[in-house]
Amino acid sequence: MNTYEVGQRLVELCSQMKHKQAIEELYADQVDVHEAMDPAAMGADRPEAMKPNGLQSKADLLKGCDFFFECNEIHSGEMEGPFPIGDEFVVMSSIDVTSKAGPMAGQRMQMREATIYKVDNGKITGSKFCYHYPGCM
């Protein structure tokens, strides 16, 4: 798949709440991940495998996905894109969640972010999550 096709498939799967399938199908074995959130704000209960920045294995990404969905009640979500440029594409996403754990437990939040994905040989090899949420920086 080319960059645009990878982006289309990612949006298709994630829009159906099939995030783990998207990781298994579209991600390389190692992905360079960068989060805007300060690691300390992620809470002490996050799995050790969930590094906020740097190379992560596909197995660690799957653990992080499980952790996110276990710690949050999802009310709705939406994805827009992909918007490709060369070997990268951007996806805009929004999600309405209530946190079940950590310092935001019980609080409903509407979050919006832009994510920049890098593709190499038909697989996602990098992601940069761009957002700002009060209390998370």
N, C-alpha and C. Protein backbone atom coordinates (compact mmCIF):
# COMPACT_ATOMS: atom_id res chain seq x y z
N MET A 1 0.84 -1.19 0.00
CA MET A 1 0.00 0.00 0.00
C MET A 1 0.88 1.25 0.00
N ASN A 2 0.41 2.28 -0.67
CA ASN A 2 1.13 3.54 -0.63
C ASN A 2 0.69 4.34 0.61
N THR A 3 1.29 5.47 0.82
CA THR A 3 1.03 6.28 2.02
C THR A 3 -0.45 6.61 2.17
N TYR A 4 -1.07 7.05 1.10
CA TYR A 4 -2.49 7.42 1.17
C TYR A 4 -3.36 6.21 1.51
N GLU A 5 -3.07 5.07 0.89
CA GLU A 5 -3.85 3.86 1.16
C GLU A 5 -3.71 3.40 2.61
N VAL A 6 -2.50 3.51 3.15
CA VAL A 6 -2.29 3.17 4.57
C VAL A 6 -3.15 4.10 5.43
N GLY A 7 -3.13 5.38 5.12
CA GLY A 7 -3.94 6.36 5.87
C GLY A 7 -5.42 6.07 5.77
N GLN A 8 -5.88 5.74 4.58
CA GLN A 8 -7.30 5.41 4.40
C GLN A 8 -7.69 4.21 5.25
N ARG A 9 -6.86 3.19 5.23
CA ARG A 9 -7.16 1.97 5.99
C ARG A 9 -7.13 2.26 7.49
N LEU A 10 -6.18 3.07 7.95
CA LEU A 10 -6.12 3.43 9.37
C LEU A 10 -7.40 4.14 9.79
N VAL A 11 -7.83 5.11 9.03
CA VAL A 11 -9.05 5.85 9.36
C VAL A 11 -10.26 4.91 9.33
N GLU A 12 -10.31 4.04 8.34
CA GLU A 12 -11.42 3.08 8.23
C GLU A 12 -11.51 2.21 9.48
N LEU A 13 -10.39 1.60 9.87
CA LEU A 13 -10.40 0.70 11.03
C LEU A 13 -10.66 1.43 12.33
N CYS A 14 -9.98 2.55 12.55
CA CYS A 14 -10.15 3.27 13.81
C CYS A 14 -11.55 3.88 13.93
N SER A 15 -12.15 4.25 12.81
CA SER A 15 -13.52 4.78 12.85
C SER A 15 -14.52 3.71 13.26
N GLN A 16 -14.12 2.45 13.11
CA GLN A 16 -14.95 1.32 13.52
C GLN A 16 -14.53 0.80 14.90
N MET A 17 -13.68 1.56 15.59
CA MET A 17 -13.15 1.19 16.91
C MET A 17 -12.31 -0.10 16.85
N LYS A 18 -11.65 -0.32 15.72
CA LYS A 18 -10.79 -1.49 15.54
C LYS A 18 -9.32 -1.06 15.62
N HIS A 19 -8.97 -0.39 16.70
CA HIS A 19 -7.63 0.16 16.86
C HIS A 19 -6.55 -0.93 16.92
N LYS A 20 -6.84 -2.02 17.63
CA LYS A 20 -5.85 -3.09 17.73
C LYS A 20 -5.62 -3.75 16.36
N GLN A 21 -6.67 -3.93 15.59
CA GLN A 21 -6.52 -4.49 14.25
C GLN A 21 -5.67 -3.56 13.39
N ALA A 22 -5.88 -2.24 13.55
CA ALA A 22 -5.09 -1.27 12.79
C ALA A 22 -3.61 -1.40 13.13
N ILE A 23 -3.30 -1.54 14.41
CA ILE A 23 -1.89 -1.70 14.83
C ILE A 23 -1.32 -2.99 14.24
N GLU A 24 -2.05 -4.09 14.41
CA GLU A 24 -1.56 -5.38 13.92
C GLU A 24 -1.35 -5.38 12.41
N GLU A 25 -2.25 -4.74 11.69
CA GLU A 25 -2.23 -4.78 10.23
C GLU A 25 -1.32 -3.74 9.58
N LEU A 26 -1.25 -2.54 10.16
CA LEU A 26 -0.63 -1.41 9.46
C LEU A 26 0.70 -0.94 10.03
N TYR A 27 1.04 -1.33 11.24
CA TYR A 27 2.24 -0.82 11.89
C TYR A 27 3.44 -1.73 11.65
N ALA A 28 4.62 -1.13 11.55
CA ALA A 28 5.87 -1.87 11.48
C ALA A 28 6.15 -2.49 12.85
N ASP A 29 7.15 -3.37 12.90
CA ASP A 29 7.47 -4.03 14.17
C ASP A 29 8.00 -3.05 15.21
N GLN A 30 8.63 -1.97 14.77
CA GLN A 30 9.12 -0.90 15.65
C GLN A 30 8.60 0.42 15.10
N VAL A 31 8.05 1.25 15.99
CA VAL A 31 7.49 2.54 15.57
C VAL A 31 8.06 3.63 16.46
N ASP A 32 8.47 4.72 15.85
CA ASP A 32 8.99 5.88 16.58
C ASP A 32 7.80 6.77 16.96
N VAL A 33 7.42 6.74 18.24
CA VAL A 33 6.21 7.41 18.73
C VAL A 33 6.59 8.62 19.57
N HIS A 34 5.88 9.73 19.32
CA HIS A 34 6.10 10.95 20.12
C HIS A 34 4.77 11.51 20.56
N GLU A 35 4.62 11.65 21.87
CA GLU A 35 3.41 12.21 22.49
C GLU A 35 3.70 13.62 22.97
N ALA A 36 2.69 14.49 22.87
CA ALA A 36 2.84 15.85 23.39
C ALA A 36 2.75 15.89 24.91
N MET A 37 2.04 14.93 25.50
CA MET A 37 1.79 14.94 26.94
C MET A 37 3.05 14.64 27.74
N ASP A 38 3.23 15.37 28.81
CA ASP A 38 4.31 15.13 29.76
C ASP A 38 4.13 13.73 30.34
N PRO A 39 5.18 12.91 30.36
CA PRO A 39 5.05 11.54 30.88
C PRO A 39 4.48 11.49 32.30
N ALA A 40 4.81 12.44 33.12
CA ALA A 40 4.32 12.45 34.51
C ALA A 40 2.80 12.60 34.55
N ALA A 41 2.21 13.26 33.56
CA ALA A 41 0.76 13.46 33.53
C ALA A 41 0.01 12.21 33.11
N MET A 42 0.73 11.23 32.59
CA MET A 42 0.07 10.00 32.15
C MET A 42 -0.35 9.13 33.32
N GLY A 43 0.16 9.39 34.51
CA GLY A 43 -0.23 8.62 35.69
C GLY A 43 0.71 7.47 35.95
N ALA A 44 0.83 7.13 37.21
CA ALA A 44 1.76 6.09 37.63
C ALA A 44 1.27 4.70 37.25
N ASP A 45 0.00 4.54 36.97
CA ASP A 45 -0.55 3.22 36.69
C ASP A 45 -0.36 2.79 35.24
N ARG A 46 0.19 3.65 34.40
CA ARG A 46 0.36 3.27 33.00
C ARG A 46 1.40 2.15 32.90
N PRO A 47 1.22 1.23 31.96
CA PRO A 47 2.20 0.14 31.81
C PRO A 47 3.59 0.67 31.51
N GLU A 48 4.58 -0.01 32.02
CA GLU A 48 5.97 0.38 31.79
C GLU A 48 6.27 0.43 30.29
N ALA A 49 5.59 -0.44 29.54
CA ALA A 49 5.81 -0.50 28.10
C ALA A 49 5.40 0.78 27.39
N MET A 50 4.52 1.58 28.01
CA MET A 50 4.03 2.80 27.36
C MET A 50 5.01 3.94 27.55
N LYS A 51 6.00 3.99 26.70
CA LYS A 51 6.94 5.10 26.73
C LYS A 51 6.31 6.26 25.98
N PRO A 52 6.45 7.48 26.46
CA PRO A 52 5.83 8.59 25.75
C PRO A 52 6.56 9.00 24.48
N ASN A 53 7.84 8.71 24.39
CA ASN A 53 8.63 9.12 23.23
C ASN A 53 9.68 8.08 22.90
N GLY A 54 9.84 7.82 21.61
CA GLY A 54 10.89 6.91 21.17
C GLY A 54 10.34 5.64 20.54
N LEU A 55 11.25 4.72 20.25
CA LEU A 55 10.88 3.48 19.59
C LEU A 55 10.03 2.61 20.51
N GLN A 56 8.96 2.08 19.95
CA GLN A 56 8.10 1.16 20.67
C GLN A 56 7.82 -0.04 19.78
N SER A 57 7.74 -1.20 20.40
CA SER A 57 7.42 -2.41 19.64
C SER A 57 5.92 -2.46 19.38
N LYS A 58 5.55 -3.25 18.41
CA LYS A 58 4.13 -3.44 18.11
C LYS A 58 3.41 -4.01 19.34
N ALA A 59 4.05 -4.92 20.06
CA ALA A 59 3.47 -5.50 21.28
C ALA A 59 3.21 -4.42 22.33
N ASP A 60 4.15 -3.49 22.49
CA ASP A 60 3.96 -2.40 23.45
C ASP A 60 2.84 -1.46 23.01
N LEU A 61 2.73 -1.22 21.71
CA LEU A 61 1.64 -0.38 21.21
C LEU A 61 0.29 -1.02 21.49
N LEU A 62 0.21 -2.33 21.33
CA LEU A 62 -1.04 -3.04 21.62
C LEU A 62 -1.38 -2.95 23.11
N LYS A 63 -0.38 -3.07 23.99
CA LYS A 63 -0.60 -2.92 25.43
C LYS A 63 -1.09 -1.51 25.75
N GLY A 64 -0.49 -0.51 25.11
CA GLY A 64 -0.91 0.87 25.32
C GLY A 64 -2.33 1.11 24.86
N CYS A 65 -2.72 0.48 23.77
CA CYS A 65 -4.08 0.59 23.25
C CYS A 65 -5.06 -0.01 24.26
N ASP A 66 -4.75 -1.20 24.77
CA ASP A 66 -5.59 -1.83 25.79
C ASP A 66 -5.73 -0.93 27.01
N PHE A 67 -4.61 -0.37 27.45
CA PHE A 67 -4.60 0.49 28.63
C PHE A 67 -5.52 1.70 28.43
N PHE A 68 -5.43 2.34 27.26
CA PHE A 68 -6.26 3.51 27.00
C PHE A 68 -7.74 3.17 27.08
N PHE A 69 -8.14 2.07 26.44
CA PHE A 69 -9.55 1.73 26.41
C PHE A 69 -10.06 1.16 27.74
N GLU A 70 -9.16 0.60 28.56
CA GLU A 70 -9.54 0.15 29.89
C GLU A 70 -9.74 1.34 30.83
N CYS A 71 -9.00 2.40 30.62
CA CYS A 71 -9.00 3.56 31.53
C CYS A 71 -9.98 4.65 31.12
N ASN A 72 -10.66 4.47 30.00
CA ASN A 72 -11.55 5.51 29.50
C ASN A 72 -12.86 4.92 28.98
N GLU A 73 -13.95 5.57 29.31
CA GLU A 73 -15.24 5.23 28.71
C GLU A 73 -15.39 6.12 27.48
N ILE A 74 -15.55 5.50 26.32
CA ILE A 74 -15.64 6.23 25.06
C ILE A 74 -17.11 6.49 24.76
N HIS A 75 -17.47 7.76 24.63
CA HIS A 75 -18.84 8.14 24.29
C HIS A 75 -19.00 8.28 22.78
N SER A 76 -18.02 8.86 22.13
CA SER A 76 -18.04 9.01 20.67
C SER A 76 -16.65 9.38 20.18
N GLY A 77 -16.45 9.23 18.90
CA GLY A 77 -15.17 9.58 18.29
C GLY A 77 -15.34 9.80 16.81
N GLU A 78 -14.41 10.55 16.25
CA GLU A 78 -14.47 10.85 14.83
C GLU A 78 -13.06 11.05 14.30
N MET A 79 -12.82 10.59 13.09
CA MET A 79 -11.52 10.78 12.44
C MET A 79 -11.75 11.43 11.08
N GLU A 80 -10.79 12.26 10.69
CA GLU A 80 -10.88 12.99 9.44
C GLU A 80 -9.53 12.88 8.73
N GLY A 81 -9.56 12.52 7.48
CA GLY A 81 -8.35 12.38 6.70
C GLY A 81 -8.36 11.04 5.98
N PRO A 82 -7.22 10.64 5.48
CA PRO A 82 -5.88 11.18 5.68
C PRO A 82 -5.58 12.35 4.75
N PHE A 83 -4.62 13.15 5.18
CA PHE A 83 -4.11 14.26 4.39
C PHE A 83 -2.63 13.96 4.12
N PRO A 84 -2.31 13.39 2.95
CA PRO A 84 -0.94 12.94 2.68
C PRO A 84 -0.02 14.04 2.17
N ILE A 85 1.26 13.85 2.47
CA ILE A 85 2.33 14.65 1.88
C ILE A 85 3.58 13.76 1.88
N GLY A 86 4.01 13.35 0.69
CA GLY A 86 5.17 12.47 0.57
C GLY A 86 4.95 11.16 1.30
N ASP A 87 5.89 10.82 2.19
CA ASP A 87 5.79 9.56 2.93
C ASP A 87 5.10 9.74 4.29
N GLU A 88 4.38 10.84 4.46
CA GLU A 88 3.65 11.10 5.69
C GLU A 88 2.19 11.45 5.38
N PHE A 89 1.35 11.29 6.40
CA PHE A 89 -0.03 11.75 6.31
C PHE A 89 -0.48 12.22 7.68
N VAL A 90 -1.48 13.09 7.68
CA VAL A 90 -2.04 13.63 8.91
C VAL A 90 -3.47 13.14 9.04
N VAL A 91 -3.86 12.82 10.26
CA VAL A 91 -5.25 12.48 10.58
C VAL A 91 -5.68 13.38 11.73
N MET A 92 -6.82 14.01 11.57
CA MET A 92 -7.44 14.79 12.65
C MET A 92 -8.42 13.87 13.35
N SER A 93 -8.39 13.87 14.67
CA SER A 93 -9.33 13.03 15.40
C SER A 93 -9.87 13.76 16.60
N SER A 94 -11.08 13.38 16.96
CA SER A 94 -11.69 13.91 18.17
C SER A 94 -12.36 12.76 18.89
N ILE A 95 -12.40 12.86 20.21
CA ILE A 95 -12.98 11.81 21.01
C ILE A 95 -13.62 12.42 22.25
N ASP A 96 -14.74 11.88 22.64
CA ASP A 96 -15.46 12.30 23.84
C ASP A 96 -15.34 11.14 24.82
N VAL A 97 -14.61 11.35 25.91
CA VAL A 97 -14.33 10.27 26.87
C VAL A 97 -14.57 10.72 28.30
N THR A 98 -14.82 9.74 29.14
CA THR A 98 -14.79 9.95 30.59
C THR A 98 -13.69 9.05 31.13
N SER A 99 -12.75 9.66 31.83
CA SER A 99 -11.63 8.92 32.40
C SER A 99 -12.12 8.07 33.57
N LYS A 100 -11.64 6.83 33.64
CA LYS A 100 -12.00 5.93 34.73
C LYS A 100 -10.92 5.88 35.81
N ALA A 101 -9.75 6.42 35.53
CA ALA A 101 -8.62 6.27 36.44
C ALA A 101 -7.73 7.51 36.40
N GLY A 102 -6.83 7.57 37.37
CA GLY A 102 -5.85 8.64 37.40
C GLY A 102 -6.40 9.97 37.88
N PRO A 103 -5.64 11.03 37.68
CA PRO A 103 -6.04 12.34 38.20
C PRO A 103 -7.29 12.92 37.54
N MET A 104 -7.67 12.41 36.38
CA MET A 104 -8.86 12.91 35.67
C MET A 104 -10.06 11.98 35.85
N ALA A 105 -9.98 11.01 36.75
CA ALA A 105 -11.05 10.02 36.95
C ALA A 105 -12.39 10.71 37.17
N GLY A 106 -13.39 10.23 36.44
CA GLY A 106 -14.74 10.75 36.56
C GLY A 106 -15.01 11.99 35.74
N GLN A 107 -14.00 12.53 35.11
CA GLN A 107 -14.17 13.75 34.33
C GLN A 107 -14.37 13.42 32.85
N ARG A 108 -15.40 14.03 32.29
CA ARG A 108 -15.66 13.86 30.86
C ARG A 108 -14.88 14.92 30.11
N MET A 109 -14.25 14.50 29.01
CA MET A 109 -13.39 15.40 28.25
C MET A 109 -13.65 15.23 26.76
N GLN A 110 -13.60 16.32 26.05
CA GLN A 110 -13.63 16.28 24.59
C GLN A 110 -12.21 16.61 24.13
N MET A 111 -11.58 15.65 23.48
CA MET A 111 -10.20 15.82 23.07
C MET A 111 -10.11 15.84 21.54
N ARG A 112 -9.22 16.66 21.04
CA ARG A 112 -8.99 16.77 19.60
C ARG A 112 -7.49 16.80 19.38
N GLU A 113 -7.04 16.08 18.36
CA GLU A 113 -5.61 16.06 18.07
C GLU A 113 -5.37 15.86 16.58
N ALA A 114 -4.19 16.27 16.19
CA ALA A 114 -3.67 15.98 14.86
C ALA A 114 -2.53 15.01 15.05
N THR A 115 -2.51 13.96 14.24
CA THR A 115 -1.43 12.99 14.32
C THR A 115 -0.75 12.91 12.96
N ILE A 116 0.57 12.99 13.01
CA ILE A 116 1.38 12.89 11.81
C ILE A 116 1.97 11.48 11.78
N TYR A 117 1.66 10.74 10.73
CA TYR A 117 2.15 9.37 10.58
C TYR A 117 3.18 9.32 9.47
N LYS A 118 4.23 8.52 9.67
CA LYS A 118 5.26 8.30 8.66
C LYS A 118 5.12 6.85 8.18
N VAL A 119 5.22 6.67 6.85
CA VAL A 119 5.06 5.35 6.25
C VAL A 119 6.33 4.97 5.49
N ASP A 120 6.75 3.73 5.67
CA ASP A 120 7.90 3.20 4.95
C ASP A 120 7.56 1.77 4.53
N ASN A 121 7.70 1.46 3.26
CA ASN A 121 7.39 0.12 2.74
C ASN A 121 5.99 -0.35 3.12
N GLY A 122 5.01 0.55 3.07
CA GLY A 122 3.62 0.19 3.32
C GLY A 122 3.24 -0.01 4.77
N LYS A 123 4.13 0.37 5.71
CA LYS A 123 3.85 0.21 7.14
C LYS A 123 4.10 1.54 7.86
N ILE A 124 3.33 1.78 8.90
CA ILE A 124 3.52 2.97 9.73
C ILE A 124 4.77 2.76 10.57
N THR A 125 5.72 3.70 10.43
CA THR A 125 6.98 3.60 11.17
C THR A 125 7.17 4.74 12.16
N GLY A 126 6.26 5.70 12.14
CA GLY A 126 6.37 6.82 13.07
C GLY A 126 5.03 7.50 13.28
N SER A 127 4.85 8.07 14.47
CA SER A 127 3.63 8.84 14.75
C SER A 127 3.97 9.94 15.74
N LYS A 128 3.42 11.12 15.48
CA LYS A 128 3.58 12.28 16.36
C LYS A 128 2.18 12.79 16.70
N PHE A 129 1.84 12.73 17.97
CA PHE A 129 0.52 13.14 18.44
C PHE A 129 0.60 14.59 18.91
N CYS A 130 -0.14 15.46 18.27
CA CYS A 130 -0.10 16.89 18.53
C CYS A 130 -1.43 17.34 19.16
N TYR A 131 -1.38 17.81 20.40
CA TYR A 131 -2.58 18.22 21.11
C TYR A 131 -2.21 19.06 22.31
N HIS A 132 -3.21 19.68 22.90
CA HIS A 132 -3.05 20.38 24.17
C HIS A 132 -4.34 20.23 24.96
N TYR A 133 -4.23 19.66 26.14
CA TYR A 133 -5.38 19.52 27.03
C TYR A 133 -5.02 20.10 28.38
N PRO A 134 -5.86 20.93 28.93
CA PRO A 134 -5.59 21.51 30.26
C PRO A 134 -5.29 20.41 31.26
N GLY A 135 -4.26 20.62 32.05
CA GLY A 135 -3.89 19.66 33.08
C GLY A 135 -2.99 18.55 32.59
N CYS A 136 -2.73 18.49 31.29
CA CYS A 136 -1.93 17.39 30.73
C CYS A 136 -0.54 17.84 30.31
N MET A 137 -0.24 19.12 30.41
CA MET A 137 1.05 19.58 29.92
C MET A 137 1.90 20.10 31.06
